[in-house]
Structures are given as C-alpha cells and as structure tokens.
Amino acid sequence: MPAPEGSASAPPEAAAPATLEWSVWPARERPWATGVLLVSLAILSVLIAQATQDRVLAIAAPVFVLVSVGSFISRTHYRLTAHGIEVKALGVSRARPWGEMRRALVDSNGVFLSPFEKRNWLEAYRGIRLPFGGNRDQVVAFVETRLPVVLEGGGAGTGRKPRPRRSDSSPDAGG
C-alpha cells in the first residue's frame, strides 16, 4: 500500500508519528459529483436569470452555492501535531489545540473531534471533521494518543449505544 501524502515511511510497529499531514480533495476524487454540481449551478443561473431578469442575481446565487460547498471544491490540508490540529482550506488556516478537544467519534469516513465530553447540539459548529483521505489507520492511531475515541454506534470507549432522541417508553401508537 502506498503511504499517504506527506507521511514518512516508518516500521509498522513504530508509535504514532510526531506529525501527521495529508490532503483531501473531494471534487477530484468524485468527478461525476463535481460535474453534476457544475451543471446544476449553470441551470440555477439560467433559471434565476429568466425568472428575475436580474443578471447580478443570476451570477451571485450560484457563486454563493459554490462558496457554501467550498470544502468539496477545494483541496483541504490537514496537519496533526503534538500541540494541535491545523486545517487549511480556501486560503484560510484554522488551528485548535488538543486541550480544547474532549472526545473523538470515528465513523466510516473520518474522525469528528468534539470539544464536548458528551453529545451536544453545539458540536456541529465547534467540532472539527478529519476525513481519512486514504490513511484511516494513521489518523485513528494519532488521535487515540490524544483523546478517548468512540466508534460509530457507541463501540469502543463508551460501552453503550447513543441514546435515542425520544424516549421509547411512550405508549403513543400514533395513528
């Protein structure tokens, strides 16, 4: 197996490296989805131009949509160090220290780092998503050295399944 971009070759029995770097570019990995997105934006532009007769709006609306999916369109660089997490995308660099993160949730696509010890509605806005980018084992191993890791479905670390949104004890049959 080839080593992920930016990683050094190390013996398999070696501990997690001091720094782990990789890049993810979803638009390049999924060209059909990129094509569908671009065609949809062109159709949106034409429909808005015909409906409103406003050229500025016909250009601005697709641009706003394009910006909102910027993490899909552009390459994103990730860097994990002993001190924290760095994410660079669209010319913007964000860094967060490991001390702000309380737990990590691993699913089939990546690791979600949360600043909360338990589930919280704010974690979608304050957490960091680390897609694997072809190096799942290295990312999970690195994160495990810093945070308690929970597998999707409540596997490792918690010993219980995620709680449902509503109590199942309600006798309401609904219907």
N, C-alpha and C. Protein backbone atom coordinates (compact mmCIF):
# COMPACT_ATOMS: atom_id res chain seq x y z
N MET A 1 0.84 -1.20 0.00
CA MET A 1 0.00 0.00 0.00
C MET A 1 0.87 1.24 0.00
N PRO A 2 0.55 2.23 -0.83
CA PRO A 2 1.35 3.44 -0.84
C PRO A 2 1.08 4.26 0.42
N ALA A 3 2.11 4.97 0.86
CA ALA A 3 1.97 5.82 2.05
C ALA A 3 1.14 7.04 1.68
N PRO A 4 0.32 7.56 2.63
CA PRO A 4 -0.47 8.74 2.35
C PRO A 4 0.43 9.95 2.10
N GLU A 5 -0.13 10.92 1.39
CA GLU A 5 0.62 12.11 1.03
C GLU A 5 1.17 12.79 2.27
N GLY A 6 2.45 13.08 2.26
CA GLY A 6 3.05 13.84 3.34
C GLY A 6 3.50 12.98 4.51
N SER A 7 3.33 11.67 4.47
CA SER A 7 3.74 10.86 5.60
C SER A 7 5.07 10.18 5.29
N ALA A 8 5.85 9.97 6.32
CA ALA A 8 7.14 9.31 6.15
C ALA A 8 6.96 7.82 6.32
N SER A 9 7.82 7.05 5.67
CA SER A 9 7.76 5.61 5.82
C SER A 9 8.34 5.26 7.18
N ALA A 10 7.60 4.44 7.93
CA ALA A 10 8.05 4.03 9.25
C ALA A 10 7.71 2.58 9.44
N PRO A 11 8.45 1.88 10.29
CA PRO A 11 8.11 0.49 10.54
C PRO A 11 6.71 0.38 11.12
N PRO A 12 5.96 -0.69 10.78
CA PRO A 12 4.59 -0.82 11.25
C PRO A 12 4.47 -0.85 12.76
N GLU A 13 5.52 -1.32 13.46
CA GLU A 13 5.42 -1.40 14.91
C GLU A 13 5.76 -0.09 15.60
N ALA A 14 6.15 0.93 14.86
CA ALA A 14 6.51 2.21 15.44
C ALA A 14 5.28 2.92 16.01
N ALA A 15 5.51 3.75 17.00
CA ALA A 15 4.42 4.52 17.61
C ALA A 15 3.95 5.59 16.64
N ALA A 16 2.84 6.25 17.00
CA ALA A 16 2.30 7.31 16.15
C ALA A 16 3.35 8.39 15.93
N PRO A 17 3.47 8.92 14.71
CA PRO A 17 4.48 9.94 14.44
C PRO A 17 4.18 11.24 15.18
N ALA A 18 5.20 12.10 15.28
CA ALA A 18 5.04 13.37 15.97
C ALA A 18 4.16 14.32 15.17
N THR A 19 4.15 14.17 13.86
CA THR A 19 3.32 14.99 12.98
C THR A 19 2.73 14.11 11.89
N LEU A 20 1.46 14.35 11.58
CA LEU A 20 0.79 13.63 10.51
C LEU A 20 0.13 14.65 9.60
N GLU A 21 0.45 14.58 8.30
CA GLU A 21 -0.10 15.53 7.34
C GLU A 21 -0.70 14.78 6.17
N TRP A 22 -1.82 15.29 5.65
CA TRP A 22 -2.43 14.74 4.45
C TRP A 22 -3.38 15.76 3.84
N SER A 23 -3.78 15.51 2.61
CA SER A 23 -4.70 16.40 1.90
C SER A 23 -5.89 15.60 1.41
N VAL A 24 -7.03 16.27 1.30
CA VAL A 24 -8.25 15.68 0.78
C VAL A 24 -8.83 16.65 -0.24
N TRP A 25 -9.19 16.12 -1.41
CA TRP A 25 -9.79 16.94 -2.47
C TRP A 25 -10.98 16.17 -3.03
N PRO A 26 -12.15 16.28 -2.40
CA PRO A 26 -13.32 15.50 -2.81
C PRO A 26 -13.74 15.72 -4.26
N ALA A 27 -13.63 16.92 -4.78
CA ALA A 27 -14.05 17.18 -6.16
C ALA A 27 -13.21 16.37 -7.16
N ARG A 28 -11.96 16.18 -6.86
CA ARG A 28 -11.09 15.41 -7.74
C ARG A 28 -11.33 13.91 -7.58
N GLU A 29 -11.68 13.50 -6.37
CA GLU A 29 -11.95 12.09 -6.10
C GLU A 29 -13.29 11.64 -6.66
N ARG A 30 -14.21 12.57 -6.83
CA ARG A 30 -15.56 12.25 -7.32
C ARG A 30 -15.91 13.15 -8.50
N PRO A 31 -15.34 12.89 -9.66
CA PRO A 31 -15.56 13.77 -10.82
C PRO A 31 -17.01 13.83 -11.28
N TRP A 32 -17.76 12.73 -11.14
CA TRP A 32 -19.18 12.77 -11.54
C TRP A 32 -19.96 13.73 -10.66
N ALA A 33 -19.73 13.70 -9.38
CA ALA A 33 -20.42 14.62 -8.46
C ALA A 33 -20.04 16.06 -8.77
N THR A 34 -18.78 16.28 -9.11
CA THR A 34 -18.33 17.62 -9.47
C THR A 34 -19.04 18.10 -10.74
N GLY A 35 -19.15 17.22 -11.72
CA GLY A 35 -19.85 17.57 -12.96
C GLY A 35 -21.31 17.90 -12.72
N VAL A 36 -21.96 17.08 -11.92
CA VAL A 36 -23.38 17.33 -11.58
C VAL A 36 -23.53 18.68 -10.88
N LEU A 37 -22.61 18.97 -9.96
CA LEU A 37 -22.65 20.25 -9.26
C LEU A 37 -22.51 21.43 -10.22
N LEU A 38 -21.55 21.35 -11.12
CA LEU A 38 -21.32 22.46 -12.05
C LEU A 38 -22.48 22.64 -13.02
N VAL A 39 -23.04 21.54 -13.52
CA VAL A 39 -24.21 21.63 -14.41
C VAL A 39 -25.40 22.21 -13.64
N SER A 40 -25.58 21.79 -12.40
CA SER A 40 -26.68 22.32 -11.58
C SER A 40 -26.54 23.81 -11.35
N LEU A 41 -25.30 24.26 -11.13
CA LEU A 41 -25.08 25.70 -10.94
C LEU A 41 -25.39 26.48 -12.21
N ALA A 42 -25.05 25.93 -13.36
CA ALA A 42 -25.36 26.60 -14.63
C ALA A 42 -26.87 26.67 -14.83
N ILE A 43 -27.56 25.59 -14.55
CA ILE A 43 -29.03 25.58 -14.68
C ILE A 43 -29.65 26.58 -13.71
N LEU A 44 -29.14 26.61 -12.48
CA LEU A 44 -29.64 27.57 -11.49
C LEU A 44 -29.48 28.99 -11.99
N SER A 45 -28.33 29.28 -12.57
CA SER A 45 -28.07 30.62 -13.07
C SER A 45 -29.06 31.00 -14.19
N VAL A 46 -29.30 30.09 -15.11
CA VAL A 46 -30.23 30.35 -16.22
C VAL A 46 -31.65 30.55 -15.68
N LEU A 47 -32.08 29.69 -14.78
CA LEU A 47 -33.44 29.81 -14.22
C LEU A 47 -33.64 31.11 -13.47
N ILE A 48 -32.65 31.51 -12.70
CA ILE A 48 -32.77 32.78 -11.96
C ILE A 48 -32.77 33.95 -12.93
N ALA A 49 -31.95 33.90 -13.96
CA ALA A 49 -31.91 34.99 -14.95
C ALA A 49 -33.26 35.12 -15.66
N GLN A 50 -33.86 33.99 -16.03
CA GLN A 50 -35.15 34.05 -16.71
C GLN A 50 -36.27 34.48 -15.77
N ALA A 51 -36.23 34.03 -14.54
CA ALA A 51 -37.31 34.34 -13.60
C ALA A 51 -37.26 35.78 -13.10
N THR A 52 -36.04 36.31 -12.91
CA THR A 52 -35.93 37.64 -12.29
C THR A 52 -35.47 38.73 -13.26
N GLN A 53 -34.94 38.34 -14.40
CA GLN A 53 -34.36 39.30 -15.34
C GLN A 53 -33.26 40.14 -14.70
N ASP A 54 -32.59 39.56 -13.71
CA ASP A 54 -31.53 40.25 -12.97
C ASP A 54 -30.22 39.48 -13.16
N ARG A 55 -29.30 40.06 -13.94
CA ARG A 55 -28.03 39.37 -14.22
C ARG A 55 -27.15 39.24 -12.98
N VAL A 56 -27.18 40.25 -12.14
CA VAL A 56 -26.35 40.20 -10.93
C VAL A 56 -26.80 39.03 -10.04
N LEU A 57 -28.09 38.88 -9.85
CA LEU A 57 -28.61 37.78 -9.04
C LEU A 57 -28.35 36.44 -9.71
N ALA A 58 -28.41 36.40 -11.02
CA ALA A 58 -28.16 35.16 -11.75
C ALA A 58 -26.70 34.71 -11.60
N ILE A 59 -25.81 35.63 -11.37
CA ILE A 59 -24.40 35.28 -11.13
C ILE A 59 -24.14 35.06 -9.64
N ALA A 60 -24.73 35.90 -8.79
CA ALA A 60 -24.46 35.83 -7.35
C ALA A 60 -24.98 34.54 -6.71
N ALA A 61 -26.17 34.09 -7.08
CA ALA A 61 -26.75 32.90 -6.44
C ALA A 61 -25.87 31.66 -6.63
N PRO A 62 -25.45 31.34 -7.84
CA PRO A 62 -24.55 30.19 -7.98
C PRO A 62 -23.21 30.37 -7.28
N VAL A 63 -22.71 31.60 -7.23
CA VAL A 63 -21.45 31.84 -6.52
C VAL A 63 -21.62 31.55 -5.03
N PHE A 64 -22.74 31.97 -4.45
CA PHE A 64 -23.00 31.67 -3.03
C PHE A 64 -23.08 30.18 -2.79
N VAL A 65 -23.72 29.45 -3.69
CA VAL A 65 -23.80 28.00 -3.55
C VAL A 65 -22.41 27.39 -3.66
N LEU A 66 -21.62 27.88 -4.61
CA LEU A 66 -20.26 27.38 -4.79
C LEU A 66 -19.41 27.62 -3.54
N VAL A 67 -19.53 28.77 -2.94
CA VAL A 67 -18.79 29.07 -1.71
C VAL A 67 -19.23 28.15 -0.58
N SER A 68 -20.53 27.86 -0.52
CA SER A 68 -21.03 27.01 0.57
C SER A 68 -20.53 25.57 0.47
N VAL A 69 -20.16 25.13 -0.73
CA VAL A 69 -19.60 23.79 -0.90
C VAL A 69 -18.10 23.87 -1.17
N GLY A 70 -17.48 24.91 -0.68
CA GLY A 70 -16.05 25.14 -0.89
C GLY A 70 -15.18 24.01 -0.40
N SER A 71 -15.55 23.35 0.67
CA SER A 71 -14.74 22.25 1.19
C SER A 71 -14.77 21.06 0.24
N PHE A 72 -15.79 20.96 -0.60
CA PHE A 72 -15.85 19.91 -1.60
C PHE A 72 -15.01 20.29 -2.83
N ILE A 73 -15.10 21.54 -3.23
CA ILE A 73 -14.45 22.01 -4.46
C ILE A 73 -12.93 22.15 -4.29
N SER A 74 -12.49 22.63 -3.14
CA SER A 74 -11.06 22.91 -2.98
C SER A 74 -10.34 21.80 -2.23
N ARG A 75 -9.04 21.78 -2.36
CA ARG A 75 -8.20 20.85 -1.62
C ARG A 75 -8.06 21.37 -0.19
N THR A 76 -8.17 20.47 0.78
CA THR A 76 -8.02 20.83 2.18
C THR A 76 -6.83 20.07 2.75
N HIS A 77 -5.96 20.79 3.43
CA HIS A 77 -4.77 20.19 4.04
C HIS A 77 -5.00 20.06 5.54
N TYR A 78 -4.63 18.90 6.07
CA TYR A 78 -4.77 18.62 7.50
C TYR A 78 -3.39 18.33 8.07
N ARG A 79 -3.16 18.83 9.29
CA ARG A 79 -1.88 18.58 9.96
C ARG A 79 -2.16 18.37 11.44
N LEU A 80 -1.76 17.21 11.93
CA LEU A 80 -1.89 16.89 13.35
C LEU A 80 -0.50 16.92 13.96
N THR A 81 -0.34 17.68 15.03
CA THR A 81 0.95 17.76 15.71
C THR A 81 0.73 17.42 17.18
N ALA A 82 1.79 17.40 17.94
CA ALA A 82 1.69 17.14 19.37
C ALA A 82 0.90 18.25 20.07
N HIS A 83 0.87 19.42 19.46
CA HIS A 83 0.21 20.56 20.09
C HIS A 83 -1.24 20.76 19.67
N GLY A 84 -1.58 20.39 18.42
CA GLY A 84 -2.94 20.64 17.99
C GLY A 84 -3.23 20.19 16.58
N ILE A 85 -4.36 20.71 16.09
CA ILE A 85 -4.89 20.36 14.78
C ILE A 85 -4.87 21.61 13.92
N GLU A 86 -4.37 21.48 12.68
CA GLU A 86 -4.38 22.60 11.74
C GLU A 86 -5.12 22.17 10.49
N VAL A 87 -6.03 23.03 10.03
CA VAL A 87 -6.79 22.77 8.81
C VAL A 87 -6.65 24.00 7.91
N LYS A 88 -6.21 23.76 6.66
CA LYS A 88 -6.05 24.86 5.70
C LYS A 88 -6.90 24.58 4.47
N ALA A 89 -7.81 25.51 4.17
CA ALA A 89 -8.68 25.39 3.00
C ALA A 89 -9.07 26.77 2.51
N LEU A 90 -9.13 26.93 1.20
CA LEU A 90 -9.54 28.18 0.56
C LEU A 90 -8.76 29.38 1.09
N GLY A 91 -7.47 29.19 1.36
CA GLY A 91 -6.63 30.27 1.83
C GLY A 91 -6.82 30.62 3.29
N VAL A 92 -7.64 29.87 4.01
CA VAL A 92 -7.88 30.13 5.42
C VAL A 92 -7.27 29.00 6.24
N SER A 93 -6.54 29.35 7.27
CA SER A 93 -5.91 28.36 8.14
C SER A 93 -6.53 28.47 9.53
N ARG A 94 -6.97 27.32 10.04
CA ARG A 94 -7.52 27.28 11.40
C ARG A 94 -6.69 26.31 12.23
N ALA A 95 -6.40 26.68 13.45
CA ALA A 95 -5.64 25.81 14.35
C ALA A 95 -6.36 25.73 15.69
N ARG A 96 -6.42 24.51 16.22
CA ARG A 96 -7.04 24.30 17.53
C ARG A 96 -6.10 23.41 18.36
N PRO A 97 -5.87 23.76 19.61
CA PRO A 97 -5.02 22.90 20.45
C PRO A 97 -5.78 21.65 20.89
N TRP A 98 -5.04 20.57 21.15
CA TRP A 98 -5.66 19.33 21.60
C TRP A 98 -6.40 19.54 22.91
N GLY A 99 -5.95 20.49 23.72
CA GLY A 99 -6.57 20.74 25.02
C GLY A 99 -8.02 21.17 24.92
N GLU A 100 -8.44 21.70 23.77
CA GLU A 100 -9.84 22.10 23.58
C GLU A 100 -10.74 20.93 23.22
N MET A 101 -10.16 19.84 22.75
CA MET A 101 -10.95 18.69 22.32
C MET A 101 -11.12 17.71 23.47
N ARG A 102 -12.33 17.14 23.58
CA ARG A 102 -12.64 16.23 24.69
C ARG A 102 -12.85 14.77 24.25
N ARG A 103 -13.30 14.56 23.00
CA ARG A 103 -13.53 13.19 22.54
C ARG A 103 -13.49 13.16 21.02
N ALA A 104 -13.35 11.94 20.50
CA ALA A 104 -13.29 11.74 19.06
C ALA A 104 -14.27 10.64 18.68
N LEU A 105 -15.06 10.89 17.65
CA LEU A 105 -16.02 9.92 17.13
C LEU A 105 -15.53 9.44 15.77
N VAL A 106 -15.29 8.14 15.64
CA VAL A 106 -14.79 7.57 14.40
C VAL A 106 -15.95 6.93 13.65
N ASP A 107 -16.13 7.30 12.38
CA ASP A 107 -17.13 6.64 11.53
C ASP A 107 -16.44 6.15 10.27
N SER A 108 -17.19 5.73 9.29
CA SER A 108 -16.60 5.14 8.09
C SER A 108 -15.85 6.15 7.22
N ASN A 109 -16.11 7.45 7.38
CA ASN A 109 -15.49 8.45 6.53
C ASN A 109 -14.39 9.26 7.18
N GLY A 110 -14.35 9.28 8.51
CA GLY A 110 -13.35 10.10 9.18
C GLY A 110 -13.53 10.13 10.68
N VAL A 111 -12.87 11.10 11.29
CA VAL A 111 -12.93 11.29 12.74
C VAL A 111 -13.51 12.67 13.00
N PHE A 112 -14.48 12.73 13.90
CA PHE A 112 -15.03 14.01 14.31
C PHE A 112 -14.51 14.31 15.71
N LEU A 113 -13.81 15.45 15.84
CA LEU A 113 -13.27 15.86 17.13
C LEU A 113 -14.23 16.84 17.77
N SER A 114 -14.64 16.54 18.98
CA SER A 114 -15.63 17.37 19.67
C SER A 114 -15.02 18.04 20.89
N PRO A 115 -15.36 19.30 21.14
CA PRO A 115 -14.90 19.97 22.34
C PRO A 115 -15.76 19.64 23.57
N PHE A 116 -16.71 18.73 23.41
CA PHE A 116 -17.61 18.35 24.50
C PHE A 116 -17.39 16.90 24.90
N GLU A 117 -17.52 16.61 26.19
CA GLU A 117 -17.35 15.24 26.66
C GLU A 117 -18.52 14.35 26.26
N LYS A 118 -19.72 14.92 26.18
CA LYS A 118 -20.92 14.20 25.77
C LYS A 118 -21.52 14.90 24.57
N ARG A 119 -22.46 14.21 23.88
CA ARG A 119 -23.12 14.81 22.72
C ARG A 119 -23.74 16.15 23.09
N ASN A 120 -23.63 17.09 22.18
CA ASN A 120 -24.15 18.43 22.41
C ASN A 120 -24.52 19.01 21.05
N TRP A 121 -25.60 19.76 20.98
CA TRP A 121 -26.04 20.31 19.71
C TRP A 121 -25.03 21.31 19.14
N LEU A 122 -24.18 21.86 19.98
CA LEU A 122 -23.19 22.83 19.51
C LEU A 122 -21.97 22.19 18.85
N GLU A 123 -21.78 20.88 19.02
CA GLU A 123 -20.57 20.28 18.49
C GLU A 123 -20.48 20.35 16.97
N ALA A 124 -21.60 20.42 16.29
CA ALA A 124 -21.57 20.56 14.82
C ALA A 124 -20.93 21.89 14.42
N TYR A 125 -20.98 22.89 15.29
CA TYR A 125 -20.45 24.21 14.99
C TYR A 125 -19.05 24.41 15.57
N ARG A 126 -18.71 23.64 16.59
CA ARG A 126 -17.43 23.84 17.27
C ARG A 126 -16.44 22.71 17.09
N GLY A 127 -16.88 21.61 16.51
CA GLY A 127 -16.00 20.47 16.32
C GLY A 127 -15.22 20.56 15.03
N ILE A 128 -14.35 19.58 14.82
CA ILE A 128 -13.52 19.52 13.61
C ILE A 128 -13.68 18.14 13.00
N ARG A 129 -13.93 18.10 11.70
CA ARG A 129 -14.06 16.85 10.96
C ARG A 129 -12.74 16.56 10.26
N LEU A 130 -12.20 15.37 10.48
CA LEU A 130 -10.97 14.95 9.83
C LEU A 130 -11.28 13.77 8.91
N PRO A 131 -11.48 14.02 7.62
CA PRO A 131 -11.69 12.89 6.70
C PRO A 131 -10.41 12.08 6.60
N PHE A 132 -10.53 10.78 6.39
CA PHE A 132 -9.36 9.91 6.37
C PHE A 132 -8.42 10.17 5.21
N GLY A 133 -8.94 10.39 4.04
CA GLY A 133 -8.09 10.64 2.88
C GLY A 133 -7.15 9.49 2.58
N GLY A 134 -7.60 8.26 2.79
CA GLY A 134 -6.78 7.10 2.47
C GLY A 134 -5.82 6.66 3.55
N ASN A 135 -5.82 7.30 4.70
CA ASN A 135 -4.90 6.90 5.77
C ASN A 135 -5.64 6.74 7.11
N ARG A 136 -6.68 5.92 7.09
CA ARG A 136 -7.53 5.70 8.26
C ARG A 136 -6.73 5.28 9.48
N ASP A 137 -5.91 4.26 9.34
CA ASP A 137 -5.19 3.72 10.49
C ASP A 137 -4.27 4.74 11.14
N GLN A 138 -3.57 5.52 10.33
CA GLN A 138 -2.66 6.52 10.87
C GLN A 138 -3.41 7.64 11.60
N VAL A 139 -4.53 8.09 11.02
CA VAL A 139 -5.31 9.16 11.65
C VAL A 139 -5.89 8.68 12.98
N VAL A 140 -6.50 7.50 12.97
CA VAL A 140 -7.11 6.97 14.20
C VAL A 140 -6.04 6.74 15.26
N ALA A 141 -4.89 6.19 14.89
CA ALA A 141 -3.82 5.95 15.85
C ALA A 141 -3.31 7.25 16.45
N PHE A 142 -3.17 8.29 15.62
CA PHE A 142 -2.69 9.57 16.11
C PHE A 142 -3.70 10.18 17.08
N VAL A 143 -4.96 10.17 16.71
CA VAL A 143 -5.99 10.76 17.56
C VAL A 143 -6.12 9.99 18.87
N GLU A 144 -6.00 8.66 18.81
CA GLU A 144 -6.09 7.84 20.03
C GLU A 144 -5.03 8.19 21.06
N THR A 145 -3.89 8.72 20.62
CA THR A 145 -2.85 9.11 21.56
C THR A 145 -3.20 10.40 22.30
N ARG A 146 -4.22 11.12 21.81
CA ARG A 146 -4.57 12.41 22.40
C ARG A 146 -5.94 12.45 23.08
N LEU A 147 -6.89 11.64 22.57
CA LEU A 147 -8.28 11.72 23.04
C LEU A 147 -8.90 10.34 23.19
N PRO A 148 -9.95 10.24 24.02
CA PRO A 148 -10.72 8.99 24.03
C PRO A 148 -11.50 8.88 22.72
N VAL A 149 -11.41 7.72 22.08
CA VAL A 149 -12.04 7.51 20.78
C VAL A 149 -13.28 6.65 20.95
N VAL A 150 -14.37 7.07 20.31
CA VAL A 150 -15.63 6.33 20.32
C VAL A 150 -15.92 5.91 18.88
N LEU A 151 -16.15 4.62 18.68
CA LEU A 151 -16.51 4.15 17.34
C LEU A 151 -17.98 4.44 17.08
N GLU A 152 -18.33 4.67 15.80
CA GLU A 152 -19.72 4.93 15.43
C GLU A 152 -20.61 3.83 15.98
N GLY A 153 -21.72 4.19 16.60
CA GLY A 153 -22.62 3.20 17.19
C GLY A 153 -22.29 2.92 18.65
N GLY A 154 -21.38 3.67 19.24
CA GLY A 154 -21.09 3.51 20.65
C GLY A 154 -20.14 2.38 20.95
N GLY A 155 -19.33 1.94 20.01
CA GLY A 155 -18.42 0.82 20.18
C GLY A 155 -17.41 1.02 21.29
N ALA A 156 -16.18 1.30 20.94
CA ALA A 156 -15.11 1.39 21.91
C ALA A 156 -15.24 2.64 22.76
N GLY A 157 -14.85 2.52 23.99
CA GLY A 157 -14.77 3.68 24.86
C GLY A 157 -16.01 3.96 25.68
N THR A 158 -17.21 3.74 25.17
CA THR A 158 -18.40 4.11 25.93
C THR A 158 -19.10 2.93 26.54
N GLY A 159 -19.13 1.81 25.85
CA GLY A 159 -19.81 0.65 26.37
C GLY A 159 -21.32 0.74 26.25
N ARG A 160 -21.82 1.74 25.56
CA ARG A 160 -23.27 1.87 25.37
C ARG A 160 -23.56 2.50 24.02
N LYS A 161 -24.77 2.29 23.57
CA LYS A 161 -25.19 2.87 22.29
C LYS A 161 -25.61 4.31 22.49
N PRO A 162 -25.56 5.13 21.42
CA PRO A 162 -26.04 6.51 21.56
C PRO A 162 -27.51 6.50 21.93
N ARG A 163 -27.88 7.43 22.78
CA ARG A 163 -29.27 7.46 23.23
C ARG A 163 -30.18 8.00 22.14
N PRO A 164 -31.42 7.49 22.05
CA PRO A 164 -32.37 7.98 21.04
C PRO A 164 -32.83 9.39 21.40
N ARG A 165 -33.36 10.09 20.39
CA ARG A 165 -33.84 11.45 20.63
C ARG A 165 -35.06 11.49 21.54
N ARG A 166 -35.95 10.51 21.41
CA ARG A 166 -37.15 10.46 22.24
C ARG A 166 -37.15 9.19 23.04
N SER A 167 -37.82 9.23 24.14
CA SER A 167 -37.93 8.04 24.98
C SER A 167 -38.80 7.00 24.29
N ASP A 168 -38.36 5.73 24.33
CA ASP A 168 -39.13 4.66 23.72
C ASP A 168 -40.23 4.16 24.64
N SER A 169 -40.34 4.70 25.84
CA SER A 169 -41.33 4.23 26.80
C SER A 169 -42.71 4.83 26.57
N SER A 170 -42.84 5.74 25.59
CA SER A 170 -44.12 6.37 25.31
C SER A 170 -45.09 5.38 24.68
N PRO A 171 -46.30 5.21 25.23
CA PRO A 171 -47.25 4.26 24.68
C PRO A 171 -48.00 4.78 23.46
N ASP A 172 -47.66 5.97 22.98
CA ASP A 172 -48.37 6.59 21.86
C ASP A 172 -48.17 5.78 20.59
N ALA A 173 -49.27 5.24 20.04
CA ALA A 173 -49.22 4.42 18.83
C ALA A 173 -49.20 5.29 17.57
N GLY A 174 -49.74 6.46 17.64
CA GLY A 174 -49.70 7.44 16.55
C GLY A 174 -50.42 7.00 15.30
N GLY A 175 -51.74 7.09 15.28
CA GLY A 175 -52.26 6.79 14.03
C GLY A 175 -53.62 6.50 13.82
